[in-house]
Amino acid sequence: MTKLKAIGLALLCAVFVSTAQIFQKIAGNNLPELTLPILAGLLLYTIGWIFFITALKDGELTVVFPIVATSYIITAIYAATIFNEQISLLRWIGIALIFAGVAMIGVGRK
């Protein structure tokens, strides 16, 4: 059974990975230079990976990994708010389906 601690760590992983992607997007705008956002993104990915590995210590992979997939939701929200990216209705439906899937996995725990 997946412990609440593992779920929290998986959510932290999702937040760190999503934030890392924002820094990578900023860095991508400045290529080919090696910039501080690249390094910040790599650091955040590493921290997220540590949270993920730690979550797997007490959690089931079939529960932890889908929770990490909430990074897609977080990244979409970041993209819309930080970069003013337009998210179509179809994409919002996809985001809602990801959220619903993660919720079903959480409810379906033993």
N, C-alpha and C. Protein backbone atom coordinates (compact mmCIF):
# COMPACT_ATOMS: atom_id res chain seq x y z
N MET A 1 0.85 -1.19 0.00
CA MET A 1 0.00 0.00 0.00
C MET A 1 0.89 1.25 0.00
N THR A 2 0.51 2.19 -0.78
CA THR A 2 1.27 3.43 -0.89
C THR A 2 0.94 4.34 0.28
N LYS A 3 1.99 4.80 0.95
CA LYS A 3 1.82 5.68 2.09
C LYS A 3 1.59 7.11 1.62
N LEU A 4 0.94 7.89 2.47
CA LEU A 4 0.67 9.29 2.17
C LEU A 4 1.96 10.06 1.90
N LYS A 5 3.02 9.72 2.61
CA LYS A 5 4.32 10.37 2.40
C LYS A 5 4.78 10.19 0.96
N ALA A 6 4.61 9.00 0.40
CA ALA A 6 5.02 8.74 -0.98
C ALA A 6 4.21 9.58 -1.96
N ILE A 7 2.94 9.74 -1.68
CA ILE A 7 2.08 10.56 -2.55
C ILE A 7 2.53 12.02 -2.50
N GLY A 8 2.84 12.51 -1.31
CA GLY A 8 3.33 13.88 -1.17
C GLY A 8 4.65 14.08 -1.90
N LEU A 9 5.55 13.11 -1.79
CA LEU A 9 6.83 13.21 -2.49
C LEU A 9 6.64 13.17 -4.01
N ALA A 10 5.69 12.37 -4.47
CA ALA A 10 5.41 12.31 -5.91
C ALA A 10 4.87 13.65 -6.40
N LEU A 11 4.02 14.29 -5.60
CA LEU A 11 3.51 15.61 -5.98
C LEU A 11 4.63 16.65 -6.00
N LEU A 12 5.54 16.57 -5.02
CA LEU A 12 6.70 17.47 -5.02
C LEU A 12 7.54 17.25 -6.27
N CYS A 13 7.72 16.00 -6.64
CA CYS A 13 8.45 15.68 -7.85
C CYS A 13 7.80 16.36 -9.05
N ALA A 14 6.49 16.27 -9.14
CA ALA A 14 5.77 16.87 -10.26
C ALA A 14 5.97 18.38 -10.31
N VAL A 15 5.94 19.03 -9.15
CA VAL A 15 6.13 20.48 -9.09
C VAL A 15 7.55 20.85 -9.52
N PHE A 16 8.54 20.12 -9.01
CA PHE A 16 9.93 20.43 -9.36
C PHE A 16 10.20 20.18 -10.84
N VAL A 17 9.68 19.09 -11.37
CA VAL A 17 9.89 18.79 -12.79
C VAL A 17 9.20 19.84 -13.67
N SER A 18 8.01 20.25 -13.29
CA SER A 18 7.29 21.28 -14.06
C SER A 18 8.03 22.61 -14.02
N THR A 19 8.53 22.97 -12.85
CA THR A 19 9.28 24.21 -12.73
C THR A 19 10.57 24.13 -13.53
N ALA A 20 11.20 22.97 -13.53
CA ALA A 20 12.40 22.77 -14.34
C ALA A 20 12.10 22.99 -15.82
N GLN A 21 10.95 22.54 -16.26
CA GLN A 21 10.59 22.71 -17.67
C GLN A 21 10.42 24.19 -18.03
N ILE A 22 9.94 24.98 -17.10
CA ILE A 22 9.83 26.41 -17.34
C ILE A 22 11.21 27.02 -17.53
N PHE A 23 12.16 26.64 -16.67
CA PHE A 23 13.53 27.14 -16.82
C PHE A 23 14.15 26.66 -18.13
N GLN A 24 13.83 25.44 -18.54
CA GLN A 24 14.37 24.94 -19.81
C GLN A 24 13.79 25.72 -20.99
N LYS A 25 12.53 26.09 -20.90
CA LYS A 25 11.91 26.92 -21.95
C LYS A 25 12.60 28.28 -22.03
N ILE A 26 12.85 28.88 -20.88
CA ILE A 26 13.55 30.16 -20.85
C ILE A 26 14.95 30.00 -21.44
N ALA A 27 15.63 28.92 -21.06
CA ALA A 27 16.97 28.66 -21.58
C ALA A 27 16.94 28.44 -23.09
N GLY A 28 15.92 27.76 -23.57
CA GLY A 28 15.80 27.50 -25.00
C GLY A 28 15.71 28.77 -25.82
N ASN A 29 15.15 29.80 -25.22
CA ASN A 29 15.07 31.08 -25.91
C ASN A 29 16.42 31.75 -26.05
N ASN A 30 17.41 31.29 -25.27
CA ASN A 30 18.74 31.91 -25.27
C ASN A 30 19.82 31.02 -25.86
N LEU A 31 19.44 29.93 -26.52
CA LEU A 31 20.45 29.03 -27.10
C LEU A 31 21.24 29.76 -28.17
N PRO A 32 22.46 29.42 -28.42
CA PRO A 32 23.22 28.27 -27.95
C PRO A 32 24.03 28.52 -26.67
N GLU A 33 23.81 29.63 -26.00
CA GLU A 33 24.57 29.93 -24.79
C GLU A 33 24.20 28.99 -23.64
N LEU A 34 25.19 28.65 -22.83
CA LEU A 34 24.93 27.92 -21.59
C LEU A 34 24.51 28.98 -20.58
N THR A 35 23.30 28.94 -20.16
CA THR A 35 22.78 30.00 -19.30
C THR A 35 22.38 29.48 -17.93
N LEU A 36 22.17 30.42 -17.02
CA LEU A 36 21.74 30.08 -15.68
C LEU A 36 20.42 29.29 -15.68
N PRO A 37 19.44 29.62 -16.53
CA PRO A 37 18.20 28.83 -16.55
C PRO A 37 18.44 27.35 -16.89
N ILE A 38 19.43 27.05 -17.73
CA ILE A 38 19.73 25.64 -18.03
C ILE A 38 20.18 24.95 -16.76
N LEU A 39 21.08 25.59 -16.04
CA LEU A 39 21.59 24.99 -14.80
C LEU A 39 20.50 24.88 -13.75
N ALA A 40 19.65 25.90 -13.65
CA ALA A 40 18.53 25.85 -12.70
C ALA A 40 17.58 24.71 -13.05
N GLY A 41 17.29 24.56 -14.33
CA GLY A 41 16.42 23.47 -14.77
C GLY A 41 17.00 22.11 -14.44
N LEU A 42 18.30 21.94 -14.69
CA LEU A 42 18.95 20.66 -14.38
C LEU A 42 18.92 20.38 -12.88
N LEU A 43 19.15 21.40 -12.08
CA LEU A 43 19.10 21.23 -10.63
C LEU A 43 17.70 20.82 -10.18
N LEU A 44 16.69 21.49 -10.71
CA LEU A 44 15.31 21.16 -10.33
C LEU A 44 14.91 19.77 -10.79
N TYR A 45 15.35 19.36 -11.99
CA TYR A 45 15.09 17.99 -12.44
C TYR A 45 15.73 16.99 -11.49
N THR A 46 16.95 17.27 -11.06
CA THR A 46 17.66 16.37 -10.15
C THR A 46 16.93 16.26 -8.82
N ILE A 47 16.50 17.39 -8.28
CA ILE A 47 15.76 17.36 -7.02
C ILE A 47 14.45 16.59 -7.21
N GLY A 48 13.76 16.83 -8.31
CA GLY A 48 12.53 16.10 -8.59
C GLY A 48 12.77 14.60 -8.68
N TRP A 49 13.88 14.21 -9.32
CA TRP A 49 14.24 12.80 -9.44
C TRP A 49 14.47 12.19 -8.06
N ILE A 50 15.13 12.94 -7.18
CA ILE A 50 15.36 12.46 -5.81
C ILE A 50 14.03 12.25 -5.09
N PHE A 51 13.11 13.20 -5.24
CA PHE A 51 11.77 13.03 -4.64
C PHE A 51 11.09 11.78 -5.20
N PHE A 52 11.21 11.55 -6.50
CA PHE A 52 10.59 10.39 -7.14
C PHE A 52 11.16 9.09 -6.59
N ILE A 53 12.47 8.99 -6.55
CA ILE A 53 13.12 7.77 -6.04
C ILE A 53 12.73 7.53 -4.59
N THR A 54 12.69 8.59 -3.80
CA THR A 54 12.32 8.47 -2.39
C THR A 54 10.85 8.04 -2.26
N ALA A 55 9.99 8.56 -3.12
CA ALA A 55 8.58 8.17 -3.10
C ALA A 55 8.41 6.69 -3.39
N LEU A 56 9.26 6.16 -4.27
CA LEU A 56 9.16 4.74 -4.62
C LEU A 56 9.56 3.83 -3.46
N LYS A 57 10.29 4.37 -2.50
CA LYS A 57 10.67 3.57 -1.33
C LYS A 57 9.43 3.09 -0.57
N ASP A 58 8.45 3.98 -0.42
CA ASP A 58 7.24 3.65 0.34
C ASP A 58 5.99 3.52 -0.52
N GLY A 59 6.13 3.73 -1.82
CA GLY A 59 4.95 3.73 -2.66
C GLY A 59 5.03 2.75 -3.81
N GLU A 60 3.88 2.39 -4.29
CA GLU A 60 3.79 1.50 -5.44
C GLU A 60 4.02 2.31 -6.71
N LEU A 61 4.78 1.74 -7.63
CA LEU A 61 5.08 2.42 -8.89
C LEU A 61 3.80 2.76 -9.64
N THR A 62 2.81 1.87 -9.57
CA THR A 62 1.56 2.09 -10.30
C THR A 62 0.74 3.24 -9.72
N VAL A 63 1.08 3.69 -8.52
CA VAL A 63 0.42 4.85 -7.92
C VAL A 63 1.30 6.08 -8.04
N VAL A 64 2.59 5.93 -7.73
CA VAL A 64 3.51 7.07 -7.70
C VAL A 64 3.69 7.68 -9.09
N PHE A 65 3.92 6.84 -10.10
CA PHE A 65 4.22 7.39 -11.42
C PHE A 65 3.07 8.20 -12.01
N PRO A 66 1.83 7.73 -11.93
CA PRO A 66 0.73 8.57 -12.44
C PRO A 66 0.61 9.90 -11.70
N ILE A 67 0.93 9.93 -10.42
CA ILE A 67 0.90 11.19 -9.69
C ILE A 67 1.95 12.14 -10.24
N VAL A 68 3.11 11.60 -10.57
CA VAL A 68 4.16 12.41 -11.18
C VAL A 68 3.67 12.97 -12.52
N ALA A 69 2.78 12.25 -13.18
CA ALA A 69 2.24 12.71 -14.47
C ALA A 69 1.41 13.97 -14.32
N THR A 70 1.07 14.35 -13.08
CA THR A 70 0.39 15.63 -12.90
C THR A 70 1.29 16.79 -13.31
N SER A 71 2.55 16.49 -13.54
CA SER A 71 3.46 17.54 -14.04
C SER A 71 2.94 18.10 -15.37
N TYR A 72 2.24 17.29 -16.15
CA TYR A 72 1.65 17.79 -17.40
C TYR A 72 0.62 18.89 -17.11
N ILE A 73 -0.15 18.69 -16.06
CA ILE A 73 -1.16 19.67 -15.67
C ILE A 73 -0.48 20.95 -15.17
N ILE A 74 0.48 20.77 -14.28
CA ILE A 74 1.18 21.92 -13.70
C ILE A 74 1.90 22.71 -14.79
N THR A 75 2.56 22.00 -15.70
CA THR A 75 3.29 22.66 -16.78
C THR A 75 2.35 23.45 -17.68
N ALA A 76 1.19 22.91 -17.97
CA ALA A 76 0.22 23.62 -18.81
C ALA A 76 -0.24 24.91 -18.12
N ILE A 77 -0.48 24.83 -16.83
CA ILE A 77 -0.90 26.02 -16.09
C ILE A 77 0.23 27.05 -16.07
N TYR A 78 1.45 26.59 -15.82
CA TYR A 78 2.61 27.50 -15.86
C TYR A 78 2.72 28.16 -17.24
N ALA A 79 2.61 27.36 -18.29
CA ALA A 79 2.77 27.89 -19.66
C ALA A 79 1.72 28.96 -19.96
N ALA A 80 0.51 28.71 -19.51
CA ALA A 80 -0.57 29.68 -19.76
C ALA A 80 -0.36 30.96 -18.96
N THR A 81 0.12 30.83 -17.73
CA THR A 81 0.25 32.02 -16.88
C THR A 81 1.57 32.75 -17.08
N ILE A 82 2.66 32.03 -17.29
CA ILE A 82 3.97 32.67 -17.40
C ILE A 82 4.26 33.11 -18.83
N PHE A 83 3.96 32.25 -19.79
CA PHE A 83 4.30 32.55 -21.19
C PHE A 83 3.09 32.98 -22.02
N ASN A 84 1.93 33.08 -21.38
CA ASN A 84 0.69 33.45 -22.08
C ASN A 84 0.39 32.54 -23.26
N GLU A 85 0.74 31.27 -23.13
CA GLU A 85 0.43 30.30 -24.18
C GLU A 85 -1.07 30.02 -24.17
N GLN A 86 -1.63 29.90 -25.34
CA GLN A 86 -3.05 29.60 -25.47
C GLN A 86 -3.25 28.09 -25.38
N ILE A 87 -4.17 27.68 -24.54
CA ILE A 87 -4.47 26.26 -24.40
C ILE A 87 -5.88 26.05 -24.94
N SER A 88 -5.96 25.22 -25.96
CA SER A 88 -7.25 24.98 -26.61
C SER A 88 -8.18 24.16 -25.72
N LEU A 89 -9.44 24.16 -26.08
CA LEU A 89 -10.43 23.38 -25.34
C LEU A 89 -10.04 21.90 -25.34
N LEU A 90 -9.58 21.40 -26.47
CA LEU A 90 -9.19 19.99 -26.56
C LEU A 90 -8.05 19.68 -25.59
N ARG A 91 -7.10 20.59 -25.48
CA ARG A 91 -6.00 20.37 -24.53
C ARG A 91 -6.50 20.40 -23.10
N TRP A 92 -7.42 21.34 -22.78
CA TRP A 92 -7.99 21.37 -21.43
C TRP A 92 -8.73 20.08 -21.11
N ILE A 93 -9.41 19.53 -22.11
CA ILE A 93 -10.09 18.25 -21.91
C ILE A 93 -9.06 17.16 -21.62
N GLY A 94 -7.95 17.16 -22.35
CA GLY A 94 -6.88 16.21 -22.09
C GLY A 94 -6.31 16.36 -20.69
N ILE A 95 -6.12 17.60 -20.26
CA ILE A 95 -5.62 17.86 -18.92
C ILE A 95 -6.62 17.35 -17.88
N ALA A 96 -7.90 17.56 -18.12
CA ALA A 96 -8.93 17.07 -17.20
C ALA A 96 -8.92 15.54 -17.14
N LEU A 97 -8.68 14.89 -18.27
CA LEU A 97 -8.61 13.43 -18.29
C LEU A 97 -7.40 12.92 -17.51
N ILE A 98 -6.28 13.62 -17.62
CA ILE A 98 -5.10 13.24 -16.83
C ILE A 98 -5.44 13.34 -15.34
N PHE A 99 -6.06 14.45 -14.96
CA PHE A 99 -6.44 14.65 -13.56
C PHE A 99 -7.40 13.56 -13.10
N ALA A 100 -8.39 13.25 -13.93
CA ALA A 100 -9.37 12.21 -13.57
C ALA A 100 -8.69 10.86 -13.44
N GLY A 101 -7.76 10.56 -14.32
CA GLY A 101 -7.04 9.29 -14.24
C GLY A 101 -6.23 9.17 -12.97
N VAL A 102 -5.54 10.24 -12.60
CA VAL A 102 -4.76 10.23 -11.36
C VAL A 102 -5.70 10.07 -10.16
N ALA A 103 -6.83 10.76 -10.18
CA ALA A 103 -7.80 10.64 -9.09
C ALA A 103 -8.34 9.22 -8.97
N MET A 104 -8.62 8.58 -10.10
CA MET A 104 -9.13 7.20 -10.07
C MET A 104 -8.09 6.25 -9.52
N ILE A 105 -6.84 6.47 -9.87
CA ILE A 105 -5.77 5.62 -9.34
C ILE A 105 -5.68 5.79 -7.84
N GLY A 106 -5.81 7.04 -7.36
CA GLY A 106 -5.75 7.29 -5.93
C GLY A 106 -6.91 6.66 -5.18
N VAL A 107 -8.10 6.75 -5.73
CA VAL A 107 -9.29 6.16 -5.10
C VAL A 107 -9.23 4.64 -5.16
N GLY A 108 -8.63 4.12 -6.22
CA GLY A 108 -8.58 2.68 -6.42
C GLY A 108 -7.50 1.96 -5.63
N ARG A 109 -6.82 2.70 -4.73
CA ARG A 109 -5.77 2.06 -3.93
C ARG A 109 -6.38 1.00 -3.04
N LYS A 110 -5.55 0.04 -2.70
CA LYS A 110 -6.00 -1.05 -1.81
C LYS A 110 -6.11 -0.57 -0.39
